[in-house]
PDB file of N, CA and C in Angstrom:
ATOM      1  N   MET A   1     -10.395   1.348  11.793  1.00  0.00           N
ATOM      2  CA  MET A   1     -10.401   1.266  10.350  1.00  0.00           C
ATOM      3  C   MET A   1      -9.171   0.459   9.904  1.00  0.00           C
ATOM      4  N   PRO A   2      -9.381  -0.592   9.145  1.00  0.00           N
ATOM      5  CA  PRO A   2      -8.244  -1.406   8.721  1.00  0.00           C
ATOM      6  C   PRO A   2      -7.381  -0.668   7.706  1.00  0.00           C
ATOM      7  N   ARG A   3      -6.116  -0.996   7.688  1.00  0.00           N
ATOM      8  CA  ARG A   3      -5.180  -0.368   6.756  1.00  0.00           C
ATOM      9  C   ARG A   3      -5.216  -1.100   5.423  1.00  0.00           C
ATOM     10  N   THR A   4      -6.341  -1.060   4.752  1.00  0.00           N
ATOM     11  CA  THR A   4      -6.455  -1.707   3.451  1.00  0.00           C
ATOM     12  C   THR A   4      -7.015  -0.721   2.433  1.00  0.00           C
ATOM     13  N   CYS A   5      -6.566  -0.866   1.219  1.00  0.00           N
ATOM     14  CA  CYS A   5      -7.080  -0.065   0.111  1.00  0.00           C
ATOM     15  C   CYS A   5      -8.293  -0.786  -0.463  1.00  0.00           C
ATOM     16  N   ILE A   6      -9.401  -0.062  -0.638  1.00  0.00           N
ATOM     17  CA  ILE A   6     -10.609  -0.740  -1.095  1.00  0.00           C
ATOM     18  C   ILE A   6     -10.586  -1.024  -2.596  1.00  0.00           C
ATOM     19  N   VAL A   7      -9.737  -0.341  -3.348  1.00  0.00           N
ATOM     20  CA  VAL A   7      -9.675  -0.569  -4.795  1.00  0.00           C
ATOM     21  C   VAL A   7      -8.703  -1.699  -5.130  1.00  0.00           C
ATOM     22  N   THR A   8      -7.479  -1.625  -4.632  1.00  0.00           N
ATOM     23  CA  THR A   8      -6.463  -2.617  -4.990  1.00  0.00           C
ATOM     24  C   THR A   8      -6.400  -3.786  -4.015  1.00  0.00           C
ATOM     25  N   GLY A   9      -6.915  -3.608  -2.806  1.00  0.00           N
ATOM     26  CA  GLY A   9      -6.866  -4.672  -1.808  1.00  0.00           C
ATOM     27  C   GLY A   9      -5.523  -4.790  -1.106  1.00  0.00           C
ATOM     28  N   LYS A  10      -4.673  -3.782  -1.256  1.00  0.00           N
ATOM     29  CA  LYS A  10      -3.368  -3.825  -0.594  1.00  0.00           C
ATOM     30  C   LYS A  10      -3.554  -3.703   0.914  1.00  0.00           C
ATOM     31  N   LYS A  11      -2.805  -4.523   1.662  1.00  0.00           N
ATOM     32  CA  LYS A  11      -2.865  -4.486   3.119  1.00  0.00           C
ATOM     33  C   LYS A  11      -1.463  -4.715   3.665  1.00  0.00           C
ATOM     34  N   PRO A  12      -1.255  -4.546   4.968  1.00  0.00           N
ATOM     35  CA  PRO A  12       0.098  -4.686   5.506  1.00  0.00           C
ATOM     36  C   PRO A  12       0.674  -6.072   5.271  1.00  0.00           C
ATOM     37  N   GLN A  13       1.972  -6.101   4.965  1.00  0.00           N
ATOM     38  CA  GLN A  13       2.698  -7.350   4.834  1.00  0.00           C
ATOM     39  C   GLN A  13       3.726  -7.410   5.945  1.00  0.00           C
ATOM     40  N   PHE A  14       4.133  -8.611   6.294  1.00  0.00           N
ATOM     41  CA  PHE A  14       5.049  -8.790   7.405  1.00  0.00           C
ATOM     42  C   PHE A  14       6.374  -9.333   6.907  1.00  0.00           C
ATOM     43  N   GLY A  15       7.426  -8.946   7.582  1.00  0.00           N
ATOM     44  CA  GLY A  15       8.761  -9.394   7.219  1.00  0.00           C
ATOM     45  C   GLY A  15       9.675  -9.284   8.414  1.00  0.00           C
ATOM     46  N   ARG A  16      10.961  -9.276   8.160  1.00  0.00           N
ATOM     47  CA  ARG A  16      11.940  -9.204   9.238  1.00  0.00           C
ATOM     48  C   ARG A  16      12.962  -8.124   8.945  1.00  0.00           C
ATOM     49  N   SER A  17      13.501  -7.579  10.010  1.00  0.00           N
ATOM     50  CA  SER A  17      14.581  -6.617   9.939  1.00  0.00           C
ATOM     51  C   SER A  17      15.804  -7.274  10.581  1.00  0.00           C
ATOM     52  N   TYR A  18      16.897  -7.345   9.843  1.00  0.00           N
ATOM     53  CA  TYR A  18      18.091  -8.035  10.315  1.00  0.00           C
ATOM     54  C   TYR A  18      19.153  -7.031  10.762  1.00  0.00           C
ATOM     55  N   THR A  19      19.842  -7.362  11.823  1.00  0.00           N
ATOM     56  CA  THR A  19      20.984  -6.585  12.290  1.00  0.00           C
ATOM     57  C   THR A  19      22.245  -7.359  11.925  1.00  0.00           C
ATOM     58  N   LEU A  20      23.151  -6.700  11.221  1.00  0.00           N
ATOM     59  CA  LEU A  20      24.373  -7.349  10.739  1.00  0.00           C
ATOM     60  C   LEU A  20      25.591  -6.816  11.482  1.00  0.00           C
ATOM     61  N   ARG A  21      26.596  -7.657  11.602  1.00  0.00           N
ATOM     62  CA  ARG A  21      27.837  -7.261  12.243  1.00  0.00           C
ATOM     63  C   ARG A  21      29.005  -7.920  11.513  1.00  0.00           C
ATOM     64  N   GLY A  22      30.101  -7.218  11.398  1.00  0.00           N
ATOM     65  CA  GLY A  22      31.292  -7.765  10.747  1.00  0.00           C
ATOM     66  C   GLY A  22      31.710  -6.917   9.564  1.00  0.00           C
ATOM     67  N   ILE A  23      32.730  -7.365   8.885  1.00  0.00           N
ATOM     68  CA  ILE A  23      33.249  -6.659   7.713  1.00  0.00           C
ATOM     69  C   ILE A  23      33.011  -7.540   6.498  1.00  0.00           C
ATOM     70  N   ALA A  24      32.503  -6.944   5.426  1.00  0.00           N
ATOM     71  CA  ALA A  24      32.164  -7.686   4.220  1.00  0.00           C
ATOM     72  C   ALA A  24      33.394  -8.345   3.617  1.00  0.00           C
ATOM     73  N   LYS A  25      33.156  -9.469   2.946  1.00  0.00           N
ATOM     74  CA  LYS A  25      34.276 -10.210   2.345  1.00  0.00           C
ATOM     75  C   LYS A  25      34.976  -9.392   1.271  1.00  0.00           C
ATOM     76  N   LYS A  26      34.225  -8.576   0.519  1.00  0.00           N
ATOM     77  CA  LYS A  26      34.868  -7.783  -0.525  1.00  0.00           C
ATOM     78  C   LYS A  26      35.710  -6.643   0.050  1.00  0.00           C
ATOM     79  N   LYS A  27      35.553  -6.391   1.349  1.00  0.00           N
ATOM     80  CA  LYS A  27      36.421  -5.415   2.029  1.00  0.00           C
ATOM     81  C   LYS A  27      37.491  -6.128   2.849  1.00  0.00           C
ATOM     82  N   LYS A  28      37.796  -7.367   2.449  1.00  0.00           N
ATOM     83  CA  LYS A  28      38.838  -8.194   3.061  1.00  0.00           C
ATOM     84  C   LYS A  28      38.514  -8.630   4.489  1.00  0.00           C
ATOM     85  N   GLY A  29      37.216  -8.732   4.798  1.00  0.00           N
ATOM     86  CA  GLY A  29      36.808  -9.220   6.110  1.00  0.00           C
ATOM     87  C   GLY A  29      36.432 -10.692   6.039  1.00  0.00           C
ATOM     88  N   ILE A  30      35.849 -11.201   7.114  1.00  0.00           N
ATOM     89  CA  ILE A  30      35.445 -12.607   7.130  1.00  0.00           C
ATOM     90  C   ILE A  30      33.971 -12.783   6.793  1.00  0.00           C
ATOM     91  N   GLY A  31      33.293 -11.696   6.549  1.00  0.00           N
ATOM     92  CA  GLY A  31      31.899 -11.780   6.145  1.00  0.00           C
ATOM     93  C   GLY A  31      30.970 -11.211   7.191  1.00  0.00           C
ATOM     94  N   LEU A  32      29.750 -10.898   6.754  1.00  0.00           N
ATOM     95  CA  LEU A  32      28.744 -10.340   7.649  1.00  0.00           C
ATOM     96  C   LEU A  32      27.967 -11.457   8.331  1.00  0.00           C
ATOM     97  N   LYS A  33      27.706 -11.293   9.601  1.00  0.00           N
ATOM     98  CA  LYS A  33      26.926 -12.259  10.372  1.00  0.00           C
ATOM     99  C   LYS A  33      25.661 -11.583  10.878  1.00  0.00           C
ATOM    100  N   ILE A  34      24.559 -12.321  10.892  1.00  0.00           N
ATOM    101  CA  ILE A  34      23.308 -11.806  11.429  1.00  0.00           C
ATOM    102  C   ILE A  34      23.341 -11.975  12.944  1.00  0.00           C
ATOM    103  N   THR A  35      23.190 -10.850  13.667  1.00  0.00           N
ATOM    104  CA  THR A  35      23.237 -10.905  15.131  1.00  0.00           C
ATOM    105  C   THR A  35      21.875 -10.669  15.760  1.00  0.00           C
ATOM    106  N   GLY A  36      20.918 -10.208  14.986  1.00  0.00           N
ATOM    107  CA  GLY A  36      19.582  -9.968  15.540  1.00  0.00           C
ATOM    108  C   GLY A  36      18.549 -10.017  14.447  1.00  0.00           C
ATOM    109  N   CYS A  37      17.344 -10.382  14.827  1.00  0.00           N
ATOM    110  CA  CYS A  37      16.254 -10.513  13.861  1.00  0.00           C
ATOM    111  C   CYS A  37      14.969 -10.078  14.547  1.00  0.00           C
ATOM    112  N   THR A  38      14.356  -9.004  14.051  1.00  0.00           N
ATOM    113  CA  THR A  38      13.095  -8.537  14.631  1.00  0.00           C
ATOM    114  C   THR A  38      12.024  -8.538  13.569  1.00  0.00           C
ATOM    115  N   ASN A  39      10.804  -8.830  13.975  1.00  0.00           N
ATOM    116  CA  ASN A  39       9.684  -8.793  13.051  1.00  0.00           C
ATOM    117  C   ASN A  39       9.285  -7.340  12.806  1.00  0.00           C
ATOM    118  N   ARG A  40       8.878  -7.062  11.596  1.00  0.00           N
ATOM    119  CA  ARG A  40       8.406  -5.724  11.262  1.00  0.00           C
ATOM    120  C   ARG A  40       7.236  -5.810  10.301  1.00  0.00           C
ATOM    121  N   ARG A  41       6.630  -4.674  10.041  1.00  0.00           N
ATOM    122  CA  ARG A  41       5.418  -4.611   9.241  1.00  0.00           C
ATOM    123  C   ARG A  41       5.609  -3.590   8.128  1.00  0.00           C
ATOM    124  N   PHE A  42       5.296  -3.982   6.910  1.00  0.00           N
ATOM    125  CA  PHE A  42       5.361  -3.092   5.753  1.00  0.00           C
ATOM    126  C   PHE A  42       3.953  -2.591   5.474  1.00  0.00           C
ATOM    127  N   ASN A  43       3.673  -1.329   5.807  1.00  0.00           N
ATOM    128  CA  ASN A  43       2.334  -0.773   5.615  1.00  0.00           C
ATOM    129  C   ASN A  43       2.185  -0.218   4.202  1.00  0.00           C
ATOM    130  N   PRO A  44       0.993  -0.330   3.617  1.00  0.00           N
ATOM    131  CA  PRO A  44       0.777   0.272   2.294  1.00  0.00           C
ATOM    132  C   PRO A  44       0.725   1.792   2.409  1.00  0.00           C
ATOM    133  N   ASN A  45       1.025   2.457   1.316  1.00  0.00           N
ATOM    134  CA  ASN A  45       1.038   3.920   1.283  1.00  0.00           C
ATOM    135  C   ASN A  45      -0.394   4.404   1.047  1.00  0.00           C
ATOM    136  N   LEU A  46      -1.154   4.588   2.129  1.00  0.00           N
ATOM    137  CA  LEU A  46      -2.559   4.969   2.035  1.00  0.00           C
ATOM    138  C   LEU A  46      -2.734   6.469   2.199  1.00  0.00           C
ATOM    139  N   LYS A  47      -3.617   7.030   1.399  1.00  0.00           N
ATOM    140  CA  LYS A  47      -3.954   8.451   1.457  1.00  0.00           C
ATOM    141  C   LYS A  47      -5.465   8.589   1.483  1.00  0.00           C
ATOM    142  N   THR A  48      -5.966   9.584   2.201  1.00  0.00           N
ATOM    143  CA  THR A  48      -7.387   9.904   2.179  1.00  0.00           C
ATOM    144  C   THR A  48      -7.590  10.945   1.091  1.00  0.00           C
ATOM    145  N   LYS A  49      -8.456  10.642   0.145  1.00  0.00           N
ATOM    146  CA  LYS A  49      -8.606  11.497  -1.035  1.00  0.00           C
ATOM    147  C   LYS A  49     -10.088  11.702  -1.333  1.00  0.00           C
ATOM    148  N   ARG A  50     -10.433  12.929  -1.715  1.00  0.00           N
ATOM    149  CA  ARG A  50     -11.809  13.238  -2.128  1.00  0.00           C
ATOM    150  C   ARG A  50     -11.878  13.293  -3.643  1.00  0.00           C
ATOM    151  N   PHE A  51     -12.889  12.646  -4.198  1.00  0.00           N
ATOM    152  CA  PHE A  51     -13.113  12.662  -5.641  1.00  0.00           C
ATOM    153  C   PHE A  51     -14.492  13.234  -5.911  1.00  0.00           C
ATOM    154  N   TRP A  52     -14.599  14.035  -6.954  1.00  0.00           N
ATOM    155  CA  TRP A  52     -15.883  14.579  -7.360  1.00  0.00           C
ATOM    156  C   TRP A  52     -16.578  13.559  -8.260  1.00  0.00           C
ATOM    157  N   ASP A  53     -17.809  13.186  -7.876  1.00  0.00           N
ATOM    158  CA  ASP A  53     -18.599  12.248  -8.669  1.00  0.00           C
ATOM    159  C   ASP A  53     -19.619  13.048  -9.468  1.00  0.00           C
ATOM    160  N   PRO A  54     -19.436  13.141 -10.797  1.00  0.00           N
ATOM    161  CA  PRO A  54     -20.362  13.961 -11.593  1.00  0.00           C
ATOM    162  C   PRO A  54     -21.765  13.358 -11.696  1.00  0.00           C
ATOM    163  N   GLU A  55     -21.904  12.047 -11.548  1.00  0.00           N
ATOM    164  CA  GLU A  55     -23.228  11.420 -11.631  1.00  0.00           C
ATOM    165  C   GLU A  55     -24.098  11.804 -10.436  1.00  0.00           C
ATOM    166  N   GLU A  56     -23.517  11.758  -9.239  1.00  0.00           N
ATOM    167  CA  GLU A  56     -24.274  12.089  -8.028  1.00  0.00           C
ATOM    168  C   GLU A  56     -24.123  13.543  -7.618  1.00  0.00           C
ATOM    169  N   LYS A  57     -23.220  14.263  -8.285  1.00  0.00           N
ATOM    170  CA  LYS A  57     -22.936  15.674  -7.992  1.00  0.00           C
ATOM    171  C   LYS A  57     -22.556  15.878  -6.527  1.00  0.00           C
ATOM    172  N   ARG A  58     -21.587  15.064  -6.068  1.00  0.00           N
ATOM    173  CA  ARG A  58     -21.095  15.196  -4.696  1.00  0.00           C
ATOM    174  C   ARG A  58     -19.682  14.633  -4.623  1.00  0.00           C
ATOM    175  N   PHE A  59     -19.003  14.949  -3.530  1.00  0.00           N
ATOM    176  CA  PHE A  59     -17.669  14.414  -3.300  1.00  0.00           C
ATOM    177  C   PHE A  59     -17.762  13.053  -2.631  1.00  0.00           C
ATOM    178  N   ILE A  60     -16.834  12.167  -2.979  1.00  0.00           N
ATOM    179  CA  ILE A  60     -16.706  10.857  -2.345  1.00  0.00           C
ATOM    180  C   ILE A  60     -15.326  10.810  -1.700  1.00  0.00           C
ATOM    181  N   THR A  61     -15.272  10.514  -0.409  1.00  0.00           N
ATOM    182  CA  THR A  61     -14.006  10.415   0.294  1.00  0.00           C
ATOM    183  C   THR A  61     -13.623   8.946   0.410  1.00  0.00           C
ATOM    184  N   LEU A  62     -12.441   8.598  -0.081  1.00  0.00           N
ATOM    185  CA  LEU A  62     -11.959   7.223  -0.070  1.00  0.00           C
ATOM    186  C   LEU A  62     -10.565   7.168   0.530  1.00  0.00           C
ATOM    187  N   ARG A  63     -10.244   6.053   1.175  1.00  0.00           N
ATOM    188  CA  ARG A  63      -8.891   5.818   1.700  1.00  0.00           C
ATOM    189  C   ARG A  63      -8.216   4.834   0.753  1.00  0.00           C
ATOM    190  N   LEU A  64      -7.272   5.352  -0.043  1.00  0.00           N
ATOM    191  CA  LEU A  64      -6.711   4.588  -1.145  1.00  0.00           C
ATOM    192  C   LEU A  64      -5.197   4.543  -1.092  1.00  0.00           C
ATOM    193  N   SER A  65      -4.646   3.520  -1.735  1.00  0.00           N
ATOM    194  CA  SER A  65      -3.203   3.497  -1.943  1.00  0.00           C
ATOM    195  C   SER A  65      -2.890   4.426  -3.120  1.00  0.00           C
ATOM    196  N   THR A  66      -1.626   4.815  -3.221  1.00  0.00           N
ATOM    197  CA  THR A  66      -1.259   5.725  -4.299  1.00  0.00           C
ATOM    198  C   THR A  66      -1.411   5.058  -5.665  1.00  0.00           C
ATOM    199  N   ALA A  67      -1.251   3.735  -5.717  1.00  0.00           N
ATOM    200  CA  ALA A  67      -1.469   3.015  -6.979  1.00  0.00           C
ATOM    201  C   ALA A  67      -2.944   3.089  -7.382  1.00  0.00           C
ATOM    202  N   ALA A  68      -3.851   3.047  -6.412  1.00  0.00           N
ATOM    203  CA  ALA A  68      -5.279   3.135  -6.713  1.00  0.00           C
ATOM    204  C   ALA A  68      -5.658   4.530  -7.187  1.00  0.00           C
ATOM    205  N   ILE A  69      -5.002   5.557  -6.646  1.00  0.00           N
ATOM    206  CA  ILE A  69      -5.262   6.928  -7.099  1.00  0.00           C
ATOM    207  C   ILE A  69      -4.877   7.070  -8.571  1.00  0.00           C
ATOM    208  N   ARG A  70      -3.760   6.454  -8.946  1.00  0.00           N
ATOM    209  CA  ARG A  70      -3.352   6.486 -10.353  1.00  0.00           C
ATOM    210  C   ARG A  70      -4.341   5.718 -11.231  1.00  0.00           C
ATOM    211  N   THR A  71      -4.882   4.614 -10.726  1.00  0.00           N
ATOM    212  CA  THR A  71      -5.880   3.839 -11.465  1.00  0.00           C
ATOM    213  C   THR A  71      -7.137   4.670 -11.700  1.00  0.00           C
ATOM    214  N   ILE A  72      -7.570   5.408 -10.670  1.00  0.00           N
ATOM    215  CA  ILE A  72      -8.764   6.243 -10.803  1.00  0.00           C
ATOM    216  C   ILE A  72      -8.506   7.382 -11.779  1.00  0.00           C
ATOM    217  N   ASP A  73      -7.295   7.955 -11.753  1.00  0.00           N
ATOM    218  CA  ASP A  73      -6.969   9.009 -12.716  1.00  0.00           C
ATOM    219  C   ASP A  73      -7.021   8.485 -14.152  1.00  0.00           C
ATOM    220  N   LYS A  74      -6.641   7.219 -14.327  1.00  0.00           N
ATOM    221  CA  LYS A  74      -6.617   6.633 -15.665  1.00  0.00           C
ATOM    222  C   LYS A  74      -8.017   6.223 -16.137  1.00  0.00           C
ATOM    223  N   ASN A  75      -8.769   5.503 -15.281  1.00  0.00           N
ATOM    224  CA  ASN A  75     -10.051   4.938 -15.708  1.00  0.00           C
ATOM    225  C   ASN A  75     -11.250   5.828 -15.397  1.00  0.00           C
ATOM    226  N   GLY A  76     -11.123   6.705 -14.430  1.00  0.00           N
ATOM    227  CA  GLY A  76     -12.233   7.564 -14.035  1.00  0.00           C
ATOM    228  C   GLY A  76     -12.920   7.023 -12.792  1.00  0.00           C
ATOM    229  N   ILE A  77     -13.443   7.934 -11.980  1.00  0.00           N
ATOM    230  CA  ILE A  77     -14.081   7.542 -10.718  1.00  0.00           C
ATOM    231  C   ILE A  77     -15.366   6.757 -10.961  1.00  0.00           C
ATOM    232  N   SER A  78     -16.079   7.065 -12.031  1.00  0.00           N
ATOM    233  CA  SER A  78     -17.352   6.380 -12.300  1.00  0.00           C
ATOM    234  C   SER A  78     -17.142   4.894 -12.574  1.00  0.00           C
ATOM    235  N   ALA A  79     -16.138   4.571 -13.390  1.00  0.00           N
ATOM    236  CA  ALA A  79     -15.867   3.171 -13.732  1.00  0.00           C
ATOM    237  C   ALA A  79     -15.417   2.391 -12.501  1.00  0.00           C
ATOM    238  N   VAL A  80     -14.557   2.999 -11.696  1.00  0.00           N
ATOM    239  CA  VAL A  80     -14.061   2.322 -10.495  1.00  0.00           C
ATOM    240  C   VAL A  80     -15.187   2.145  -9.490  1.00  0.00           C
ATOM    241  N   LYS A  81     -16.047   3.153  -9.354  1.00  0.00           N
ATOM    242  CA  LYS A  81     -17.180   3.070  -8.419  1.00  0.00           C
ATOM    243  C   LYS A  81     -18.160   1.964  -8.824  1.00  0.00           C
ATOM    244  N   ARG A  82     -18.423   1.858 -10.133  1.00  0.00           N
ATOM    245  CA  ARG A  82     -19.303   0.775 -10.597  1.00  0.00           C
ATOM    246  C   ARG A  82     -18.729  -0.588 -10.301  1.00  0.00           C
ATOM    247  N   LYS A  83     -17.414  -0.744 -10.500  1.00  0.00           N
ATOM    248  CA  LYS A  83     -16.753  -2.021 -10.212  1.00  0.00           C
ATOM    249  C   LYS A  83     -16.832  -2.372  -8.738  1.00  0.00           C
ATOM    250  N   LEU A  84     -16.618  -1.373  -7.864  1.00  0.00           N
ATOM    251  CA  LEU A  84     -16.694  -1.608  -6.414  1.00  0.00           C
ATOM    252  C   LEU A  84     -18.111  -1.963  -5.968  1.00  0.00           C
ATOM    253  N   GLN A  85     -19.108  -1.305  -6.561  1.00  0.00           N
ATOM    254  CA  GLN A  85     -20.492  -1.619  -6.211  1.00  0.00           C
ATOM    255  C   GLN A  85     -20.875  -3.013  -6.672  1.00  0.00           C
ATOM    256  N   LYS A  86     -20.323  -3.443  -7.800  1.00  0.00           N
ATOM    257  CA  LYS A  86     -20.588  -4.790  -8.308  1.00  0.00           C
ATOM    258  C   LYS A  86     -20.015  -5.834  -7.376  1.00  0.00           C
ATOM    259  N   GLU A  87     -18.800  -5.550  -6.818  1.00  0.00           N
ATOM    260  CA  GLU A  87     -18.163  -6.471  -5.883  1.00  0.00           C
ATOM    261  C   GLU A  87     -18.751  -6.374  -4.484  1.00  0.00           C
ATOM    262  N   GLY A  88     -19.487  -5.303  -4.211  1.00  0.00           N
ATOM    263  CA  GLY A  88     -20.077  -5.130  -2.887  1.00  0.00           C
ATOM    264  C   GLY A  88     -19.167  -4.457  -1.882  1.00  0.00           C
ATOM    265  N   ALA A  89     -18.106  -3.830  -2.348  1.00  0.00           N
ATOM    266  CA  ALA A  89     -17.154  -3.174  -1.437  1.00  0.00           C
ATOM    267  C   ALA A  89     -17.572  -1.759  -1.096  1.00  0.00           C
ATOM    268  N   LEU A  90     -18.390  -1.144  -1.912  1.00  0.00           N
ATOM    269  CA  LEU A  90     -18.779   0.246  -1.678  1.00  0.00           C
ATOM    270  C   LEU A  90     -20.268   0.347  -1.448  1.00  0.00           C
TER     271      LEU A  90
END
């Protein structure tokens, strides 16, 4: 299962983690130098959540980001479900 939110489309982003060495200039040093650089991955904050669908009278289980959960709380599960069905994601 891919780590993507079906409502917002959030997926992992890639970046770097830097290792620094030295004393900062504001602490009267000669400055910080980068001594190592490793690739890393920023994963979205995904949660598995069940929503009650009053139209179908059943629970729907979705894997969503926390931002998408807030969107569903604001707009309602019915509106979001219709939008997803229109796009073909659900």
